[in-house]
């Protein structure tokens, strides 16, 4: 299930680094890095926290695309 995201773009607009984003969201810098690279899908709670920090909706940041057969 491909889950793409624009977290890095939103973080850049806010002018904060991964460490600062992690502190605001209550996770590590490594977790933010994994999410931005698409190697980790956040929980619903974390996705909501990140959206609130970015002043956006979850759908603005995270894009789900179903595999086509």
C-alpha atoms as a PDB file:
ATOM      1  CA  UNK A   1       0.000   0.000   0.000  1.00  0.00           C
ATOM      2  CA  UNK A   2       1.881   3.046  -1.187  1.00  0.00           C
ATOM      3  CA  UNK A   3       1.503   5.958   1.209  1.00  0.00           C
ATOM      4  CA  UNK A   4       3.154   9.098  -0.101  1.00  0.00           C
ATOM      5  CA  UNK A   5       3.584  12.303   1.839  1.00  0.00           C
ATOM      6  CA  UNK A   6       4.495  15.962   1.636  1.00  0.00           C
ATOM      7  CA  UNK A   7       5.763  16.213   5.198  1.00  0.00           C
ATOM      8  CA  UNK A   8       9.180  17.529   4.186  1.00  0.00           C
ATOM      9  CA  UNK A   9       7.599  20.322   2.145  1.00  0.00           C
ATOM     10  CA  UNK A  10       5.357  21.361   5.034  1.00  0.00           C
ATOM     11  CA  UNK A  11       8.264  21.170   7.475  1.00  0.00           C
ATOM     12  CA  UNK A  12      10.382  23.356   5.192  1.00  0.00           C
ATOM     13  CA  UNK A  13       7.624  25.978   4.991  1.00  0.00           C
ATOM     14  CA  UNK A  14       7.515  26.009   8.805  1.00  0.00           C
ATOM     15  CA  UNK A  15      11.278  26.532   8.850  1.00  0.00           C
ATOM     16  CA  UNK A  16      12.003  23.690  11.248  1.00  0.00           C
ATOM     17  CA  UNK A  17      14.324  20.709  11.019  1.00  0.00           C
ATOM     18  CA  UNK A  18      13.510  17.048  11.611  1.00  0.00           C
ATOM     19  CA  UNK A  19      14.632  17.204  15.241  1.00  0.00           C
ATOM     20  CA  UNK A  20      12.334  20.136  15.981  1.00  0.00           C
ATOM     21  CA  UNK A  21       9.420  18.460  14.182  1.00  0.00           C
ATOM     22  CA  UNK A  22      10.030  15.300  16.167  1.00  0.00           C
ATOM     23  CA  UNK A  23       9.987  17.201  19.465  1.00  0.00           C
ATOM     24  CA  UNK A  24       6.731  18.933  18.545  1.00  0.00           C
ATOM     25  CA  UNK A  25       5.160  15.577  17.608  1.00  0.00           C
ATOM     26  CA  UNK A  26       6.658  13.610  20.499  1.00  0.00           C
ATOM     27  CA  UNK A  27       8.762  11.303  18.324  1.00  0.00           C
ATOM     28  CA  UNK A  28      12.420  11.038  17.352  1.00  0.00           C
ATOM     29  CA  UNK A  29      14.172  12.731  14.450  1.00  0.00           C
ATOM     30  CA  UNK A  30      14.661   9.259  12.988  1.00  0.00           C
ATOM     31  CA  UNK A  31      10.896   8.686  12.930  1.00  0.00           C
ATOM     32  CA  UNK A  32      10.351  11.939  11.029  1.00  0.00           C
ATOM     33  CA  UNK A  33      13.099  10.940   8.588  1.00  0.00           C
ATOM     34  CA  UNK A  34      11.536   7.499   8.029  1.00  0.00           C
ATOM     35  CA  UNK A  35       8.116   9.041   7.400  1.00  0.00           C
ATOM     36  CA  UNK A  36       9.511  11.596   4.948  1.00  0.00           C
ATOM     37  CA  UNK A  37      11.349   8.855   3.021  1.00  0.00           C
ATOM     38  CA  UNK A  38       8.207   6.732   2.896  1.00  0.00           C
ATOM     39  CA  UNK A  39       9.807   3.931   4.891  1.00  0.00           C
ATOM     40  CA  UNK A  40       7.352   4.222   7.795  1.00  0.00           C
ATOM     41  CA  UNK A  41       3.616   4.819   7.883  1.00  0.00           C
ATOM     42  CA  UNK A  42       2.614   6.799  10.960  1.00  0.00           C
ATOM     43  CA  UNK A  43      -0.228   5.822  13.236  1.00  0.00           C
ATOM     44  CA  UNK A  44      -3.468   7.740  12.871  1.00  0.00           C
ATOM     45  CA  UNK A  45      -2.656   9.615  16.072  1.00  0.00           C
ATOM     46  CA  UNK A  46       0.783  10.650  14.825  1.00  0.00           C
ATOM     47  CA  UNK A  47      -0.584  11.626  11.406  1.00  0.00           C
ATOM     48  CA  UNK A  48      -3.153  13.850  13.136  1.00  0.00           C
ATOM     49  CA  UNK A  49      -0.461  15.424  15.337  1.00  0.00           C
ATOM     50  CA  UNK A  50       1.728  16.144  12.313  1.00  0.00           C
ATOM     51  CA  UNK A  51      -1.197  17.656  10.434  1.00  0.00           C
ATOM     52  CA  UNK A  52      -2.030  19.907  13.378  1.00  0.00           C
ATOM     53  CA  UNK A  53       1.607  21.054  13.629  1.00  0.00           C
ATOM     54  CA  UNK A  54       1.615  21.813   9.897  1.00  0.00           C
ATOM     55  CA  UNK A  55      -1.796  23.525  10.114  1.00  0.00           C
ATOM     56  CA  UNK A  56      -3.060  21.206   7.394  1.00  0.00           C
ATOM     57  CA  UNK A  57      -5.318  18.201   7.057  1.00  0.00           C
ATOM     58  CA  UNK A  58      -4.032  14.650   7.081  1.00  0.00           C
ATOM     59  CA  UNK A  59      -5.170  14.381   3.464  1.00  0.00           C
ATOM     60  CA  UNK A  60      -3.062  17.425   2.550  1.00  0.00           C
ATOM     61  CA  UNK A  61       0.085  15.732   3.858  1.00  0.00           C
ATOM     62  CA  UNK A  62      -0.492  12.023   3.260  1.00  0.00           C
ATOM     63  CA  UNK A  63      -1.561  10.571  -0.084  1.00  0.00           C
ATOM     64  CA  UNK A  64      -2.688   6.973  -0.385  1.00  0.00           C
ATOM     65  CA  UNK A  65      -2.646   5.340  -3.814  1.00  0.00           C
ATOM     66  CA  UNK A  66      -4.064   1.884  -4.285  1.00  0.00           C
ATOM     67  CA  UNK A  67      -2.191  -0.597  -6.379  1.00  0.00           C
ATOM     68  CA  UNK A  68      -3.862  -1.215  -9.703  1.00  0.00           C
ATOM     69  CA  UNK A  69      -4.073  -4.788 -10.921  1.00  0.00           C
END
